[in-house]
Amino acid sequence: MTVADIVRELGLKVFSGSEGLNQEITGGYTSDLLSDVMGNAEAGMVWITLQTHINVMAIASLKELSAIILVKGFEPEVNTLQQSNNERIPILGTNLQAFEVTGKLYQLLNR
């Protein structure tokens, strides 16, 4: 499954990083604690968070994540958008709570 597939299936908004929409997804990780994601997320995962600042891009790049989903209607900061485009790591958005979108992503990946 690709990032574009989850955008379509979950009705996500693409904020930036659209050049990375064809990246494959290996799983998901939900956390708002950057050190937790840095220590436990794996390459190819989608990170679900409410963090919007540029440090999320540093973690996503370091861990080679496929995308970031921002929850609860949060939107990324301008410099975060720019870095997302530079790194080709999509930042996506939803109005859903982290719990809800995590469950939906889990179901999609386990069909």
Protein backbone atom coordinates (compact mmCIF):
# COMPACT_ATOMS: atom_id res chain seq x y z
CA MET A 1 0.00 0.00 0.00
CA THR A 2 1.29 3.47 -0.87
CA VAL A 3 0.84 6.84 0.77
CA ALA A 4 -1.49 7.82 -2.09
CA ASP A 5 -3.66 4.78 -1.28
CA ILE A 6 -4.18 5.87 2.33
CA VAL A 7 -4.85 9.45 1.25
CA ARG A 8 -7.66 8.17 -0.95
CA GLU A 9 -9.01 5.54 1.47
CA LEU A 10 -8.95 7.76 4.57
CA GLY A 11 -9.86 11.04 2.87
CA LEU A 12 -6.69 12.75 4.05
CA LYS A 13 -5.59 16.25 3.05
CA VAL A 14 -2.14 16.51 1.44
CA PHE A 15 -0.37 19.56 2.87
CA SER A 16 3.06 19.01 1.32
CA GLY A 17 5.59 16.48 0.10
CA SER A 18 3.41 15.28 -2.77
CA GLU A 19 6.47 13.90 -4.57
CA GLY A 20 6.52 11.16 -1.91
CA LEU A 21 2.95 9.94 -2.39
CA ASN A 22 4.13 6.77 -4.16
CA GLN A 23 6.22 5.60 -1.21
CA GLU A 24 5.30 2.20 0.20
CA ILE A 25 3.96 1.94 3.74
CA THR A 26 5.19 -0.82 6.05
CA GLY A 27 3.17 0.12 9.14
CA GLY A 28 2.23 2.96 11.41
CA TYR A 29 3.38 4.59 14.61
CA THR A 30 1.31 6.88 16.84
CA SER A 31 3.06 9.16 19.30
CA ASP A 32 3.48 12.83 20.14
CA LEU A 33 6.79 12.30 21.92
CA LEU A 34 9.65 12.86 19.49
CA SER A 35 12.15 10.73 21.41
CA ASP A 36 9.66 7.85 21.42
CA VAL A 37 9.29 8.00 17.64
CA MET A 38 13.04 8.32 17.20
CA GLY A 39 13.62 5.24 19.34
CA ASN A 40 10.81 3.01 18.08
CA ALA A 41 9.44 3.91 14.65
CA GLU A 42 10.79 1.96 11.69
CA ALA A 43 11.54 2.92 8.10
CA GLY A 44 8.48 2.97 5.88
CA MET A 45 6.01 3.68 8.68
CA VAL A 46 3.42 6.45 8.76
CA TRP A 47 3.73 8.64 11.85
CA ILE A 48 0.46 9.84 13.41
CA THR A 49 0.88 12.91 15.63
CA LEU A 50 -0.35 16.37 16.58
CA GLN A 51 3.15 17.87 16.44
CA THR A 52 3.41 20.49 13.69
CA HIS A 53 6.90 22.03 14.10
CA ILE A 54 9.96 21.45 11.93
CA ASN A 55 11.49 18.91 14.33
CA VAL A 56 8.98 16.32 13.09
CA MET A 57 10.71 16.49 9.70
CA ALA A 58 14.10 15.84 11.27
CA ILE A 59 12.73 12.70 12.93
CA ALA A 60 10.81 11.57 9.82
CA SER A 61 13.91 11.96 7.68
CA LEU A 62 16.23 10.27 10.18
CA LYS A 63 13.87 7.30 10.53
CA GLU A 64 13.03 7.21 6.77
CA LEU A 65 9.31 7.40 7.46
CA SER A 66 6.89 7.31 4.51
CA ALA A 67 4.54 10.07 5.72
CA ILE A 68 3.22 12.04 8.66
CA ILE A 69 -0.47 12.36 9.50
CA LEU A 70 -1.49 15.36 11.58
CA VAL A 71 -4.65 14.80 13.62
CA LYS A 72 -7.47 16.94 15.05
CA GLY A 73 -7.32 19.49 12.24
CA PHE A 74 -3.79 20.62 13.10
CA GLU A 75 -1.81 22.18 10.25
CA PRO A 76 1.98 22.22 9.80
CA GLU A 77 4.05 25.34 10.32
CA VAL A 78 5.40 27.04 7.16
CA ASN A 79 9.00 25.88 7.65
CA THR A 80 7.74 22.34 8.26
CA LEU A 81 5.91 22.43 4.92
CA GLN A 82 9.06 23.60 3.16
CA GLN A 83 11.18 20.85 4.70
CA SER A 84 8.54 18.25 3.82
CA ASN A 85 8.77 19.26 0.18
CA ASN A 86 12.59 19.19 0.32
CA GLU A 87 12.62 15.73 1.92
CA ARG A 88 9.75 14.39 -0.25
CA ILE A 89 8.01 13.11 2.89
CA PRO A 90 4.28 13.88 2.70
CA ILE A 91 2.53 15.65 5.53
CA LEU A 92 -1.12 14.69 5.57
CA GLY A 93 -4.02 15.90 7.67
CA THR A 94 -7.29 14.74 9.18
CA ASN A 95 -9.88 16.10 11.59
CA LEU A 96 -10.02 12.69 13.29
CA GLN A 97 -8.51 11.98 16.70
CA ALA A 98 -5.25 9.99 16.76
CA PHE A 99 -7.11 6.96 18.14
CA GLU A 100 -9.58 6.96 15.25
CA VAL A 101 -7.11 7.41 12.40
CA THR A 102 -4.74 4.86 13.94
CA GLY A 103 -7.52 2.27 13.97
CA LYS A 104 -8.52 3.05 10.39
CA LEU A 105 -4.91 2.83 9.18
CA TYR A 106 -4.48 -0.47 11.02
CA GLN A 107 -7.55 -1.89 9.31
CA LEU A 108 -6.34 -0.75 5.88
CA LEU A 109 -2.90 -2.26 6.31
CA ASN A 110 -4.34 -5.57 7.50
CA ARG A 111 -6.94 -6.17 4.81
